[in-house]
Each structure stands twice: as C-alpha cells, then as structure tokens.
Amino acid sequence: METLERMTKLGMSQVDMILELRKRGYEVQPPMMSSILRGVYTYPKAKKILEACEEILNEREKT
C-alpha cells in the first residue's frame, strides 16, 4: 500500500502510472495494476512492476 499512498501524495493516478510503465516497456492493464498495488497479485512480474513504480516515484519525488 505504500506505493499507492506515495502516488496519492504526488497526485498520480493509476492510469498515470500505467502510462509511465508502458514508456519503460511494461505492459500492464488497469485491473492487473490495481491487484498489484493492493498486494493481491504477487508473482515475479508484479515484483518487477513494483520496482519500476518505485523508480518512477523516486524520480517524481526528487523534482
């Protein structure tokens, strides 16, 4: 849930995150993204996507 909280603080929606992930080569559909952020989907792909989300959030927090 930390990722979702950080997104909220930055005013970033799930759609914004999905678009950023797609720019980086990750193909994620909205239902899957929601499951990943809620911790329901925990397979290796989800872990990679969460790592990419962390990178995106870190970049946005620095600006």
N, C-alpha and C. Protein backbone atom coordinates (compact mmCIF):
# COMPACT_ATOMS: atom_id res chain seq x y z
N MET A 1 0.81 -1.20 0.00
CA MET A 1 0.00 0.00 0.00
C MET A 1 0.85 1.26 0.00
N GLU A 2 2.09 1.14 0.39
CA GLU A 2 2.96 2.31 0.42
C GLU A 2 3.07 2.98 -0.94
N THR A 3 3.14 2.18 -1.98
CA THR A 3 3.25 2.71 -3.34
C THR A 3 2.02 3.55 -3.67
N LEU A 4 0.85 3.04 -3.34
CA LEU A 4 -0.39 3.75 -3.62
C LEU A 4 -0.47 5.05 -2.83
N GLU A 5 -0.02 5.04 -1.58
CA GLU A 5 0.00 6.25 -0.76
C GLU A 5 0.93 7.30 -1.35
N ARG A 6 2.09 6.87 -1.80
CA ARG A 6 3.05 7.80 -2.41
C ARG A 6 2.49 8.39 -3.70
N MET A 7 1.80 7.56 -4.49
CA MET A 7 1.17 8.04 -5.71
C MET A 7 0.14 9.12 -5.39
N THR A 8 -0.65 8.87 -4.36
CA THR A 8 -1.69 9.82 -3.95
C THR A 8 -1.06 11.15 -3.54
N LYS A 9 0.01 11.10 -2.77
CA LYS A 9 0.69 12.33 -2.33
C LYS A 9 1.21 13.13 -3.51
N LEU A 10 1.60 12.44 -4.57
CA LEU A 10 2.12 13.12 -5.76
C LEU A 10 1.02 13.49 -6.74
N GLY A 11 -0.22 13.14 -6.42
CA GLY A 11 -1.33 13.43 -7.32
C GLY A 11 -1.29 12.58 -8.58
N MET A 12 -0.76 11.39 -8.45
CA MET A 12 -0.59 10.49 -9.58
C MET A 12 -1.64 9.39 -9.54
N SER A 13 -2.38 9.24 -10.63
CA SER A 13 -3.40 8.19 -10.70
C SER A 13 -2.79 6.88 -11.18
N GLN A 14 -3.56 5.81 -11.08
CA GLN A 14 -3.09 4.53 -11.59
C GLN A 14 -2.89 4.59 -13.09
N VAL A 15 -3.73 5.34 -13.77
CA VAL A 15 -3.58 5.49 -15.23
C VAL A 15 -2.26 6.20 -15.55
N ASP A 16 -1.92 7.23 -14.77
CA ASP A 16 -0.64 7.92 -14.97
C ASP A 16 0.52 6.94 -14.81
N MET A 17 0.44 6.10 -13.79
CA MET A 17 1.50 5.13 -13.53
C MET A 17 1.57 4.11 -14.67
N ILE A 18 0.42 3.64 -15.13
CA ILE A 18 0.40 2.68 -16.23
C ILE A 18 1.05 3.27 -17.47
N LEU A 19 0.76 4.53 -17.76
CA LEU A 19 1.37 5.19 -18.93
C LEU A 19 2.88 5.29 -18.78
N GLU A 20 3.35 5.62 -17.58
CA GLU A 20 4.80 5.69 -17.33
C GLU A 20 5.43 4.31 -17.48
N LEU A 21 4.77 3.30 -16.97
CA LEU A 21 5.29 1.93 -17.08
C LEU A 21 5.38 1.50 -18.54
N ARG A 22 4.38 1.85 -19.32
CA ARG A 22 4.39 1.49 -20.74
C ARG A 22 5.55 2.14 -21.47
N LYS A 23 5.88 3.37 -21.09
CA LYS A 23 7.04 4.05 -21.69
C LYS A 23 8.32 3.27 -21.42
N ARG A 24 8.34 2.54 -20.31
CA ARG A 24 9.52 1.78 -19.90
C ARG A 24 9.46 0.31 -20.33
N GLY A 25 8.46 -0.03 -21.13
CA GLY A 25 8.39 -1.37 -21.68
C GLY A 25 7.54 -2.36 -20.91
N TYR A 26 6.81 -1.91 -19.90
CA TYR A 26 5.94 -2.81 -19.14
C TYR A 26 4.52 -2.68 -19.65
N GLU A 27 3.91 -3.79 -19.99
CA GLU A 27 2.53 -3.80 -20.47
C GLU A 27 1.64 -4.22 -19.31
N VAL A 28 0.86 -3.28 -18.79
CA VAL A 28 0.01 -3.54 -17.63
C VAL A 28 -1.39 -3.03 -17.91
N GLN A 29 -2.37 -3.85 -17.64
CA GLN A 29 -3.77 -3.44 -17.79
C GLN A 29 -4.28 -2.92 -16.44
N PRO A 30 -5.26 -2.01 -16.46
CA PRO A 30 -5.76 -1.44 -15.19
C PRO A 30 -6.16 -2.45 -14.12
N PRO A 31 -6.89 -3.53 -14.45
CA PRO A 31 -7.24 -4.47 -13.37
C PRO A 31 -6.01 -5.12 -12.72
N MET A 32 -5.01 -5.45 -13.56
CA MET A 32 -3.79 -6.05 -13.02
C MET A 32 -3.05 -5.04 -12.15
N MET A 33 -2.98 -3.79 -12.59
CA MET A 33 -2.29 -2.75 -11.82
C MET A 33 -2.93 -2.59 -10.45
N SER A 34 -4.25 -2.58 -10.42
CA SER A 34 -4.96 -2.46 -9.15
C SER A 34 -4.63 -3.63 -8.23
N SER A 35 -4.60 -4.83 -8.77
CA SER A 35 -4.27 -6.02 -7.97
C SER A 35 -2.84 -5.98 -7.47
N ILE A 36 -1.94 -5.49 -8.28
CA ILE A 36 -0.53 -5.38 -7.87
C ILE A 36 -0.40 -4.39 -6.73
N LEU A 37 -1.04 -3.24 -6.87
CA LEU A 37 -0.93 -2.20 -5.83
C LEU A 37 -1.58 -2.62 -4.52
N ARG A 38 -2.61 -3.45 -4.59
CA ARG A 38 -3.28 -3.91 -3.37
C ARG A 38 -2.60 -5.13 -2.76
N GLY A 39 -1.60 -5.68 -3.47
CA GLY A 39 -0.88 -6.83 -2.93
C GLY A 39 -1.53 -8.17 -3.23
N VAL A 40 -2.53 -8.18 -4.11
CA VAL A 40 -3.22 -9.43 -4.46
C VAL A 40 -2.37 -10.23 -5.45
N TYR A 41 -1.81 -9.55 -6.42
CA TYR A 41 -1.01 -10.19 -7.47
C TYR A 41 0.45 -10.07 -7.06
N THR A 42 1.10 -11.20 -6.73
CA THR A 42 2.45 -11.15 -6.16
C THR A 42 3.47 -11.97 -6.94
N TYR A 43 3.14 -12.33 -8.17
CA TYR A 43 4.06 -13.12 -8.98
C TYR A 43 5.29 -12.31 -9.35
N PRO A 44 6.34 -12.94 -9.90
CA PRO A 44 7.56 -12.21 -10.26
C PRO A 44 7.33 -10.98 -11.13
N LYS A 45 6.38 -11.06 -12.07
CA LYS A 45 6.08 -9.89 -12.91
C LYS A 45 5.61 -8.72 -12.04
N ALA A 46 4.81 -9.01 -11.04
CA ALA A 46 4.31 -7.96 -10.15
C ALA A 46 5.45 -7.31 -9.39
N LYS A 47 6.41 -8.11 -8.95
CA LYS A 47 7.55 -7.55 -8.22
C LYS A 47 8.37 -6.63 -9.11
N LYS A 48 8.54 -7.01 -10.38
CA LYS A 48 9.28 -6.16 -11.31
C LYS A 48 8.53 -4.86 -11.56
N ILE A 49 7.23 -4.96 -11.68
CA ILE A 49 6.42 -3.75 -11.91
C ILE A 49 6.48 -2.84 -10.69
N LEU A 50 6.41 -3.40 -9.50
CA LEU A 50 6.51 -2.58 -8.28
C LEU A 50 7.88 -1.90 -8.18
N GLU A 51 8.93 -2.60 -8.58
CA GLU A 51 10.27 -1.99 -8.59
C GLU A 51 10.30 -0.81 -9.55
N ALA A 52 9.69 -0.98 -10.72
CA ALA A 52 9.63 0.12 -11.69
C ALA A 52 8.80 1.27 -11.14
N CYS A 53 7.72 0.96 -10.44
CA CYS A 53 6.90 2.01 -9.81
C CYS A 53 7.73 2.80 -8.80
N GLU A 54 8.54 2.09 -8.03
CA GLU A 54 9.40 2.76 -7.05
C GLU A 54 10.35 3.74 -7.74
N GLU A 55 10.94 3.30 -8.85
CA GLU A 55 11.85 4.17 -9.59
C GLU A 55 11.13 5.42 -10.08
N ILE A 56 9.94 5.22 -10.63
CA ILE A 56 9.15 6.35 -11.14
C ILE A 56 8.79 7.31 -10.00
N LEU A 57 8.35 6.77 -8.87
CA LEU A 57 8.00 7.61 -7.73
C LEU A 57 9.22 8.35 -7.19
N ASN A 58 10.36 7.66 -7.11
CA ASN A 58 11.59 8.33 -6.64
C ASN A 58 11.95 9.49 -7.55
N GLU A 59 11.83 9.29 -8.86
CA GLU A 59 12.14 10.36 -9.80
C GLU A 59 11.20 11.54 -9.62
N ARG A 60 9.93 11.26 -9.46
CA ARG A 60 8.93 12.35 -9.29
C ARG A 60 9.10 13.08 -7.96
N GLU A 61 9.49 12.35 -6.93
CA GLU A 61 9.66 12.98 -5.61
C GLU A 61 10.88 13.90 -5.59
N LYS A 62 11.84 13.63 -6.43
CA LYS A 62 13.06 14.46 -6.48
C LYS A 62 12.80 15.81 -7.14
N THR A 63 11.79 15.87 -8.03
CA THR A 63 11.52 17.12 -8.75
C THR A 63 10.62 18.05 -7.97
